[in-house]
Amino acid sequence: MIKIPVISGNDSLNSFIRSQCLAMGNDYVPVFFKNKDEVIAYLKYELPEIKMIYFSDPTIEAKAVLDEIGKDPWLHYGGVIAIHDDLEEKALLEAMQDQNVIAVLRKSELERGFSRLMKILKQNKQILFQRGIQQHLLKNIAGSFVIDNDPLDITTYSNMVTNYLFNANLISKDTKEKLHVALLELLINAIEHGNCTISFDEKTAWLESNRDIMELIRQKNTDPAIRAKKVYFTYTISPESSRFVIKDEGAGFDWRSRLDTKPDQPGLHGMGMTMASLYVRRLTYNEAGNEVSFEVAHQQNESNVIPAIFDVSQERAFEDGQFVCSEGEESDYLYYIVSGTLYVYSKGKLVSALTPDDIFMGEMSFLLSNRRSATVVSKGRSVLIKISKQDFVNLIKDSPHYGIFLARLLAQRLARLNLRTSRLNTEYLKLKGELAAVKASE
């Protein structure tokens, strides 16, 4: 069960969201707020993975809520679903440019799109939220989306993928923005020109009449044969890079001539393939032209956002082979890992490696007031933020929700340890059984 704060004072909207979530079972439970202070308190202590904000409600201080989230996006990394009456979406997206936007919906579109959106989120939890344990346990994360010819699907899936990679510290903000543009362009091409068979000239005429291309897509989908077609979006996320494949059910097109033809100046459209080829690497089409694949390279061991409560003036850099701490020494501080890789040795043996994904280093001895239980050495260059026990205690006094986050972090690490122990025990019992079988056969 996932609780979703809904920041809205509109009774009809709230009633609709409540009924829709109830119809889905116990997967999502909306919690409604009108008061800004109550909202902020909830966000700090619950750290919700999804937030819904009704921006057209004059009684809701939506900007103040966004500002509060923006003060510490590292902590408030969960996605935002924006709802509005008839606001200028470009201006709304600009106001939310540093937020993890999942979808932007007009209130009039909710009846058609809400249950669809929530179904997408339910089916793709593994890529929507980054701070679970799967990232630490799986070397590769792979999956596929089956997308209808619906603009809502395009934006939702594009946002989910780029938010995940950014929050997982796999791509920078600049790469996130470029990948988002490439995904949108290639997905909309698959729907427009592939499944809906909208020609270049037809789209040009439509746009020149100042009409929204999404209206033309919906008009095309009144044909049952077109509406039945799908777009298949596959991703494979490895430590080094992410690879994507987009395939439509159209007849394809002459992609070679489109890539070779460079327009003299930008027009109403037609630049999508060119931009995508500049923003991603290894962009290739199949022979028919109804499947495109491409990659983005990952940054290695970097943290995109540092917690707002940590003083970056306490940053310390360690070069390759330099000791961060030694086994047995007294401990009254911990480190926040900004970048790099740290090797952990116990009694002279390498036992693990830490990266920014692990967030902290030395928190156990720090919290238990023990001596260091291991020696930590920098592998390559590492950047850490040193935090004394007194400073951390004071930080928690000022921002007690950080204490809750630290407890959740330790609980997740314990869950990972228990799972690893269970796997080792299973492997041991399997090996023991095999040895017993060999002895019995002798």
Protein backbone atom coordinates (compact mmCIF):
# COMPACT_ATOMS: atom_id res chain seq x y z
CA MET A 1 0.00 0.00 0.00
CA ILE A 2 1.37 3.40 -1.03
CA LYS A 3 -0.01 6.57 0.54
CA ILE A 4 -0.31 9.49 -1.87
CA PRO A 5 -0.63 13.04 -0.51
CA VAL A 6 -3.20 14.93 -2.60
CA ILE A 7 -2.78 18.69 -2.19
CA SER A 8 -6.18 20.00 -3.20
CA GLY A 9 -9.15 21.82 -1.72
CA ASN A 10 -11.49 20.91 -4.58
CA ASP A 11 -14.15 18.54 -3.23
CA SER A 12 -15.20 17.14 -6.61
CA LEU A 13 -11.60 16.43 -7.61
CA ASN A 14 -10.83 14.82 -4.25
CA SER A 15 -13.96 12.68 -4.44
CA PHE A 16 -12.98 11.48 -7.90
CA ILE A 17 -9.42 10.57 -6.85
CA ARG A 18 -10.73 8.78 -3.75
CA SER A 19 -13.20 6.69 -5.76
CA GLN A 20 -10.64 5.82 -8.43
CA CYS A 21 -8.05 4.68 -5.89
CA LEU A 22 -10.69 2.67 -4.03
CA ALA A 23 -11.63 0.92 -7.26
CA MET A 24 -8.00 -0.17 -7.65
CA GLY A 25 -7.99 -1.97 -4.30
CA ASN A 26 -5.44 -1.23 -1.59
CA ASP A 27 -2.51 -0.35 -3.84
CA TYR A 28 -2.87 3.43 -3.44
CA VAL A 29 -4.44 5.34 -0.57
CA PRO A 30 -4.92 9.11 -1.07
CA VAL A 31 -4.34 11.43 1.90
CA PHE A 32 -5.87 14.87 1.34
CA PHE A 33 -4.41 18.20 2.46
CA LYS A 34 -5.41 21.84 2.18
CA ASN A 35 -3.10 23.44 4.73
CA LYS A 36 0.44 24.19 3.57
CA ASP A 37 2.07 23.51 6.94
CA GLU A 38 0.34 20.15 7.27
CA VAL A 39 1.47 19.23 3.75
CA ILE A 40 5.10 20.12 4.46
CA ALA A 41 5.10 18.20 7.74
CA TYR A 42 3.71 15.14 5.95
CA LEU A 43 6.27 15.37 3.16
CA LYS A 44 9.13 15.59 5.63
CA TYR A 45 8.16 12.65 7.80
CA GLU A 46 6.52 10.29 5.31
CA LEU A 47 8.83 10.96 2.33
CA PRO A 48 6.10 9.89 -0.13
CA GLU A 49 7.04 8.34 -3.45
CA ILE A 50 4.18 10.11 -5.28
CA LYS A 51 2.68 13.55 -4.71
CA MET A 52 -0.41 15.03 -6.42
CA ILE A 53 -0.77 18.81 -6.55
CA TYR A 54 -3.80 20.70 -7.92
CA PHE A 55 -2.19 23.90 -9.20
CA SER A 56 -5.42 25.68 -10.15
CA ASP A 57 -6.80 25.73 -6.62
CA PRO A 58 -6.40 29.32 -5.29
CA THR A 59 -6.65 28.08 -1.69
CA ILE A 60 -3.59 25.85 -2.11
CA GLU A 61 -0.15 27.42 -1.83
CA ALA A 62 1.31 25.17 -4.52
CA LYS A 63 4.39 27.32 -5.11
CA ALA A 64 5.25 27.26 -1.41
CA VAL A 65 5.04 23.46 -1.42
CA LEU A 66 7.31 23.29 -4.49
CA ASP A 67 9.75 25.67 -2.83
CA GLU A 68 9.89 23.45 0.23
CA ILE A 69 10.56 20.37 -1.92
CA GLY A 70 13.19 22.35 -3.82
CA LYS A 71 15.07 23.16 -0.61
CA ASP A 72 16.11 19.53 -0.36
CA PRO A 73 15.38 17.56 -3.55
CA TRP A 74 17.79 14.85 -2.37
CA LEU A 75 15.32 13.92 0.36
CA HIS A 76 12.09 14.69 -1.53
CA TYR A 77 12.96 12.70 -4.65
CA GLY A 78 9.46 11.22 -5.15
CA GLY A 79 7.54 12.01 -8.32
CA VAL A 80 4.98 14.80 -8.76
CA ILE A 81 1.67 14.50 -10.62
CA ALA A 82 0.49 18.01 -11.54
CA ILE A 83 -3.21 18.68 -12.08
CA HIS A 84 -4.62 21.97 -13.39
CA ASP A 85 -7.68 23.49 -15.06
CA ASP A 86 -6.32 25.31 -18.08
CA LEU A 87 -2.90 26.68 -17.18
CA GLU A 88 -0.14 27.25 -19.70
CA GLU A 89 1.65 23.91 -19.45
CA LYS A 90 4.99 25.31 -20.60
CA ALA A 91 4.98 27.82 -17.73
CA LEU A 92 3.86 25.11 -15.31
CA LEU A 93 6.67 22.79 -16.39
CA GLU A 94 9.18 25.63 -16.05
CA ALA A 95 8.00 26.17 -12.48
CA MET A 96 8.56 22.47 -11.86
CA GLN A 97 11.81 22.14 -13.81
CA ASP A 98 13.79 20.81 -10.83
CA GLN A 99 11.03 18.40 -9.76
CA ASN A 100 10.62 14.76 -10.73
CA VAL A 101 7.50 15.29 -12.83
CA ILE A 102 5.60 12.09 -13.61
CA ALA A 103 2.66 13.61 -15.48
CA VAL A 104 0.81 16.88 -16.09
CA LEU A 105 -2.97 16.53 -16.50
CA ARG A 106 -5.80 18.96 -17.02
CA LYS A 107 -8.62 18.33 -14.58
CA SER A 108 -10.91 17.68 -17.56
CA GLU A 109 -8.56 14.88 -18.67
CA LEU A 110 -8.61 13.04 -15.37
CA GLU A 111 -11.64 10.92 -16.13
CA ARG A 112 -9.94 9.57 -19.23
CA GLY A 113 -6.38 9.36 -17.93
CA PHE A 114 -6.27 8.88 -14.16
CA SER A 115 -6.85 5.14 -13.89
CA ARG A 116 -4.53 4.63 -16.86
CA LEU A 117 -1.78 6.63 -15.18
CA MET A 118 -2.11 4.80 -11.86
CA LYS A 119 -2.03 1.45 -13.66
CA ILE A 120 1.23 2.44 -15.33
CA LEU A 121 2.74 3.40 -11.96
CA LYS A 122 1.57 0.16 -10.36
CA GLN A 123 3.06 -1.98 -13.12
CA ASN A 124 6.42 -0.24 -13.10
CA LYS A 125 7.33 0.25 -9.46
CA GLN A 126 10.80 -1.18 -10.07
CA ILE A 127 11.81 1.78 -12.25
CA LEU A 128 9.68 4.52 -10.72
CA PHE A 129 11.39 4.55 -7.33
CA GLN A 130 15.15 4.46 -6.99
CA ARG A 131 15.77 4.09 -3.27
CA GLY A 132 14.58 0.53 -2.87
CA ILE A 133 16.92 -2.39 -2.46
CA GLN A 134 16.73 -3.73 -6.01
CA GLN A 135 19.42 -1.36 -7.29
CA HIS A 136 21.94 -2.85 -4.85
CA LEU A 137 21.00 -6.46 -5.52
CA LEU A 138 20.67 -6.54 -9.30
CA LYS A 139 23.56 -5.93 -11.67
CA ASN A 140 21.21 -5.22 -14.57
CA ILE A 141 17.65 -3.91 -14.52
CA ALA A 142 15.57 -4.64 -17.62
CA GLY A 143 11.96 -4.38 -18.62
CA SER A 144 9.56 -3.35 -21.35
CA PHE A 145 6.54 -1.11 -21.75
CA VAL A 146 3.64 -1.71 -24.12
CA ILE A 147 2.38 1.76 -25.03
CA ASP A 148 -0.97 2.63 -26.57
CA ASN A 149 -1.25 5.49 -29.06
CA ASP A 150 -1.86 7.91 -26.22
CA PRO A 151 0.18 11.07 -25.49
CA LEU A 152 -0.19 10.48 -21.74
CA ASP A 153 1.71 7.21 -22.04
CA ILE A 154 4.56 8.92 -23.88
CA THR A 155 5.18 11.61 -21.29
CA THR A 156 4.68 9.28 -18.32
CA TYR A 157 7.13 6.64 -19.52
CA SER A 158 9.70 9.24 -20.62
CA ASN A 159 9.52 10.94 -17.23
CA MET A 160 9.74 7.65 -15.33
CA VAL A 161 12.88 6.50 -17.16
CA THR A 162 14.78 9.79 -16.98
CA ASN A 163 13.82 10.41 -13.33
CA TYR A 164 14.99 6.94 -12.37
CA LEU A 165 18.39 7.28 -14.04
CA PHE A 166 18.95 10.73 -12.53
CA ASN A 167 17.84 9.74 -9.02
CA ALA A 168 20.03 6.63 -9.22
CA ASN A 169 22.99 8.94 -9.99
CA LEU A 170 23.53 7.18 -13.30
CA ILE A 171 23.14 10.30 -15.48
CA SER A 172 23.71 14.01 -14.87
CA LYS A 173 21.04 16.69 -15.09
CA ASP A 174 22.26 17.69 -18.55
CA THR A 175 22.11 14.09 -19.81
CA LYS A 176 18.68 13.69 -18.23
CA GLU A 177 17.32 16.66 -20.19
CA LYS A 178 18.84 15.45 -23.47
CA LEU A 179 17.59 11.89 -22.98
CA HIS A 180 14.11 13.18 -22.17
CA VAL A 181 14.00 15.13 -25.46
CA ALA A 182 15.26 12.11 -27.42
CA LEU A 183 12.72 9.74 -25.84
CA LEU A 184 9.81 12.10 -26.43
CA GLU A 185 10.78 12.69 -30.06
CA LEU A 186 11.31 9.02 -30.92
CA LEU A 187 8.20 7.82 -29.08
CA ILE A 188 5.99 10.46 -30.68
CA ASN A 189 7.46 9.54 -34.08
CA ALA A 190 6.56 5.89 -33.46
CA ILE A 191 2.96 6.85 -32.71
CA GLU A 192 2.50 9.67 -35.23
CA HIS A 193 4.29 8.39 -38.30
CA GLY A 194 4.40 4.69 -37.46
CA ASN A 195 1.08 3.59 -35.97
CA CYS A 196 -1.09 6.57 -36.98
CA THR A 197 0.46 6.94 -40.47
CA ILE A 198 0.55 10.75 -40.24
CA SER A 199 2.68 12.00 -43.13
CA PHE A 200 5.14 14.90 -42.94
CA ASP A 201 2.88 17.07 -45.12
CA GLU A 202 -0.26 16.18 -43.15
CA LYS A 203 1.40 17.16 -39.89
CA THR A 204 2.73 20.39 -41.42
CA ALA A 205 -0.75 21.41 -42.59
CA TRP A 206 -2.24 20.58 -39.21
CA LEU A 207 0.34 22.64 -37.29
CA GLU A 208 0.08 25.56 -39.71
CA SER A 209 -3.62 25.77 -38.81
CA ASN A 210 -2.54 26.28 -35.14
CA ARG A 211 -3.99 22.98 -33.99
CA ASP A 212 -2.51 20.66 -31.36
CA ILE A 213 -0.92 17.55 -32.89
CA MET A 214 -2.29 15.51 -30.00
CA GLU A 215 -5.79 16.21 -31.31
CA LEU A 216 -4.82 14.72 -34.67
CA ILE A 217 -3.44 11.61 -32.94
CA ARG A 218 -6.69 11.14 -31.05
CA GLN A 219 -8.65 11.69 -34.24
CA LYS A 220 -6.63 8.96 -35.97
CA ASN A 221 -7.30 6.62 -33.06
CA THR A 222 -11.02 6.67 -33.75
CA ASP A 223 -10.10 4.05 -36.37
CA PRO A 224 -10.18 0.69 -34.49
CA ALA A 225 -7.34 -0.71 -36.62
CA ILE A 226 -5.04 2.18 -35.68
CA ARG A 227 -6.18 2.20 -32.05
CA ALA A 228 -5.22 -1.48 -31.71
CA LYS A 229 -1.58 -0.83 -32.65
CA LYS A 230 1.06 -0.60 -29.93
CA VAL A 231 4.51 0.82 -29.38
CA TYR A 232 7.02 -1.46 -27.64
CA PHE A 233 9.60 0.31 -25.47
CA THR A 234 12.34 -1.89 -24.00
CA TYR A 235 15.12 -0.82 -21.63
CA THR A 236 18.22 -2.48 -20.22
CA ILE A 237 20.07 -0.62 -17.46
CA SER A 238 23.56 -1.87 -16.67
CA PRO A 239 26.23 -0.23 -14.49
CA GLU A 240 27.96 1.30 -17.53
CA SER A 241 25.08 2.39 -19.77
CA SER A 242 21.39 2.22 -20.58
CA ARG A 243 20.11 0.81 -23.86
CA PHE A 244 16.65 1.46 -25.29
CA VAL A 245 14.65 -0.03 -28.15
CA ILE A 246 11.45 1.55 -29.52
CA LYS A 247 9.38 -0.40 -32.04
CA ASP A 248 6.03 0.48 -33.61
CA GLU A 249 3.58 -1.61 -35.66
CA GLY A 250 3.64 0.63 -38.70
CA ALA A 251 5.08 -0.13 -42.13
CA GLY A 252 8.30 1.79 -41.46
CA PHE A 253 9.89 4.62 -43.45
CA ASP A 254 13.02 5.60 -45.36
CA TRP A 255 15.08 6.57 -42.34
CA ARG A 256 18.31 6.93 -44.32
CA SER A 257 17.00 9.83 -46.37
CA ARG A 258 15.58 11.51 -43.27
CA LEU A 259 18.88 11.29 -41.39
CA ASP A 260 20.87 12.43 -44.45
CA THR A 261 18.60 15.42 -45.12
CA LYS A 262 19.54 18.38 -42.94
CA PRO A 263 17.00 21.26 -43.08
CA ASP A 264 18.43 24.72 -43.82
CA GLN A 265 16.53 26.18 -40.88
CA PRO A 266 14.19 24.87 -38.19
CA GLY A 267 10.55 24.46 -39.20
CA LEU A 268 7.37 23.54 -37.40
CA HIS A 269 8.65 20.00 -37.05
CA GLY A 270 11.01 17.48 -38.61
CA MET A 271 13.99 18.01 -36.29
CA GLY A 272 13.23 15.13 -33.92
CA MET A 273 15.50 12.51 -35.45
CA THR A 274 18.35 15.00 -35.82
CA MET A 275 18.13 16.09 -32.19
CA ALA A 276 17.85 12.51 -30.95
CA SER A 277 20.96 11.48 -32.91
CA LEU A 278 22.90 14.35 -31.28
CA TYR A 279 21.69 13.63 -27.74
CA VAL A 280 22.22 9.86 -27.55
CA ARG A 281 24.80 7.46 -28.93
CA ARG A 282 24.66 4.51 -31.34
CA LEU A 283 21.24 5.46 -32.70
CA THR A 284 20.34 2.89 -35.36
CA TYR A 285 17.19 1.74 -37.20
CA ASN A 286 16.24 -1.69 -38.46
CA GLU A 287 15.95 -2.18 -42.21
CA ALA A 288 12.20 -1.46 -42.34
CA GLY A 289 12.49 1.67 -40.23
CA ASN A 290 9.90 0.74 -37.59
CA GLU A 291 12.45 0.02 -34.83
CA VAL A 292 15.11 2.32 -33.39
CA SER A 293 17.72 1.54 -30.75
CA PHE A 294 20.14 3.82 -28.91
CA GLU A 295 22.25 4.15 -25.74
CA VAL A 296 23.29 6.67 -23.10
CA ALA A 297 26.54 6.33 -21.19
CA HIS A 298 26.42 6.47 -17.39
CA GLN A 299 28.50 8.64 -15.13
CA GLN A 300 30.49 6.59 -12.63
CA ASN A 301 30.16 6.93 -8.86
CA GLU A 302 28.83 10.49 -8.73
CA SER A 303 26.11 11.98 -6.55
CA ASN A 304 23.82 14.40 -8.41
CA VAL A 305 22.34 16.09 -5.36
CA ILE A 306 23.82 16.61 -1.90
CA PRO A 307 21.47 16.81 1.11
CA ALA A 308 20.70 20.43 1.88
CA ILE A 309 21.52 20.06 5.57
CA PHE A 310 25.12 19.01 4.91
CA ASP A 311 27.73 21.75 4.80
CA VAL A 312 29.73 21.27 1.59
CA SER A 313 32.57 23.25 3.21
CA GLN A 314 33.35 20.02 5.06
CA GLU A 315 34.17 18.23 1.81
CA ARG A 316 37.35 16.16 1.86
CA ALA A 317 39.05 14.60 -1.14
CA PHE A 318 40.98 11.33 -0.92
CA GLU A 319 43.35 10.22 -3.64
CA ASP A 320 43.93 6.67 -4.88
CA GLY A 321 45.25 4.44 -2.09
CA GLN A 322 44.72 7.03 0.66
CA PHE A 323 43.32 5.78 3.98
CA VAL A 324 39.98 7.28 5.03
CA CYS A 325 39.92 5.54 8.40
CA SER A 326 41.67 2.61 10.09
CA GLU A 327 40.32 -0.41 11.90
CA GLY A 328 40.30 0.05 15.67
CA GLU A 329 40.52 3.84 15.77
CA GLU A 330 37.99 5.85 17.75
CA SER A 331 35.01 7.20 15.85
CA ASP A 332 33.04 10.38 16.46
CA TYR A 333 32.06 11.21 12.88
CA LEU A 334 30.67 9.68 9.70
CA TYR A 335 30.99 10.51 6.01
CA TYR A 336 28.48 11.31 3.30
CA ILE A 337 29.76 9.84 0.01
CA VAL A 338 29.72 12.44 -2.78
CA SER A 339 31.73 10.53 -5.38
CA GLY A 340 34.21 7.73 -5.85
CA THR A 341 34.69 4.15 -4.69
CA LEU A 342 35.84 3.10 -1.22
CA TYR A 343 37.29 -0.33 -0.42
CA VAL A 344 36.47 -1.76 3.01
CA TYR A 345 38.98 -4.14 4.66
CA SER A 346 38.46 -6.17 7.82
CA LYS A 347 41.45 -7.95 9.36
CA GLY A 348 43.36 -7.33 6.17
CA LYS A 349 40.75 -8.84 3.83
CA LEU A 350 38.65 -6.92 1.31
CA VAL A 351 35.02 -7.37 2.40
CA SER A 352 33.05 -4.77 0.41
CA ALA A 353 33.11 -1.60 -1.66
CA LEU A 354 31.12 1.59 -1.03
CA THR A 355 29.89 4.14 -3.60
CA PRO A 356 27.44 7.10 -3.53
CA ASP A 357 24.63 4.51 -3.76
CA ASP A 358 25.46 3.55 -0.16
CA ILE A 359 25.00 7.21 0.88
CA PHE A 360 26.90 7.03 4.19
CA MET A 361 30.15 5.49 5.36
CA GLY A 362 30.86 4.63 9.01
CA GLU A 363 27.36 5.21 10.37
CA MET A 364 27.26 2.02 12.46
CA SER A 365 30.34 2.76 14.60
CA PHE A 366 29.25 6.40 14.64
CA LEU A 367 25.83 5.56 16.08
CA LEU A 368 27.06 2.85 18.45
CA SER A 369 30.00 4.93 19.75
CA ASN A 370 32.35 2.07 18.86
CA ARG A 371 35.81 1.99 17.39
CA ARG A 372 36.06 1.55 13.64
CA SER A 373 35.38 -2.07 12.70
CA ALA A 374 37.16 -1.83 9.35
CA THR A 375 39.79 0.04 7.37
CA VAL A 376 38.56 2.11 4.42
CA VAL A 377 40.80 3.01 1.48
CA SER A 378 39.95 5.20 -1.51
CA LYS A 379 40.01 3.44 -4.87
CA GLY A 380 40.80 6.25 -7.26
CA ARG A 381 39.77 9.73 -6.21
CA SER A 382 36.86 10.03 -3.76
CA VAL A 383 35.05 13.06 -2.34
CA LEU A 384 33.35 12.79 1.07
CA ILE A 385 31.62 15.18 3.46
CA LYS A 386 32.78 14.72 7.04
CA ILE A 387 30.06 15.08 9.69
CA SER A 388 30.84 15.06 13.41
CA LYS A 389 28.51 13.38 15.86
CA GLN A 390 27.65 16.72 17.47
CA ASP A 391 26.89 18.33 14.11
CA PHE A 392 24.72 15.40 13.07
CA VAL A 393 22.79 15.44 16.34
CA ASN A 394 22.22 19.17 15.93
CA LEU A 395 21.10 18.65 12.33
CA ILE A 396 18.55 16.07 13.45
CA LYS A 397 17.32 18.46 16.15
CA ASP A 398 16.76 21.11 13.48
CA SER A 399 15.47 18.63 10.86
CA PRO A 400 14.19 15.58 12.76
CA HIS A 401 12.92 13.95 9.56
CA TYR A 402 16.56 13.15 8.76
CA GLY A 403 16.60 10.84 11.76
CA ILE A 404 13.65 8.96 10.25
CA PHE A 405 15.43 8.72 6.91
CA LEU A 406 18.58 7.37 8.58
CA ALA A 407 16.49 4.72 10.36
CA ARG A 408 14.89 3.72 7.05
CA LEU A 409 18.30 3.56 5.41
CA LEU A 410 19.62 1.23 8.12
CA ALA A 411 16.48 -0.92 7.85
CA GLN A 412 17.03 -1.25 4.08
CA ARG A 413 20.65 -2.26 4.63
CA LEU A 414 19.53 -4.85 7.16
CA ALA A 415 17.01 -6.18 4.63
CA ARG A 416 19.77 -6.48 2.02
CA LEU A 417 22.01 -8.26 4.51
CA ASN A 418 19.23 -10.69 5.46
CA LEU A 419 18.55 -11.45 1.79
CA ARG A 420 22.22 -12.05 1.06
CA THR A 421 22.51 -14.28 4.14
CA SER A 422 19.47 -16.25 3.02
CA ARG A 423 20.98 -16.74 -0.45
CA LEU A 424 24.30 -17.88 1.01
CA ASN A 425 22.50 -20.31 3.30
CA THR A 426 20.55 -21.73 0.33
CA GLU A 427 23.77 -22.16 -1.66
CA TYR A 428 25.45 -23.82 1.35
CA LEU A 429 22.59 -26.30 1.82
CA LYS A 430 22.61 -27.07 -1.90
CA LEU A 431 26.35 -27.72 -1.87
CA LYS A 432 26.05 -29.82 1.31
CA GLY A 433 23.37 -31.94 -0.36
CA GLU A 434 25.49 -32.45 -3.46
CA LEU A 435 28.48 -33.53 -1.36
CA ALA A 436 26.30 -35.96 0.59
CA ALA A 437 25.02 -37.44 -2.68
CA VAL A 438 28.59 -37.90 -3.95
CA LYS A 439 29.64 -39.66 -0.73
CA ALA A 440 26.58 -41.94 -0.86
CA SER A 441 27.42 -43.01 -4.40
CA GLU A 442 31.02 -43.96 -3.51
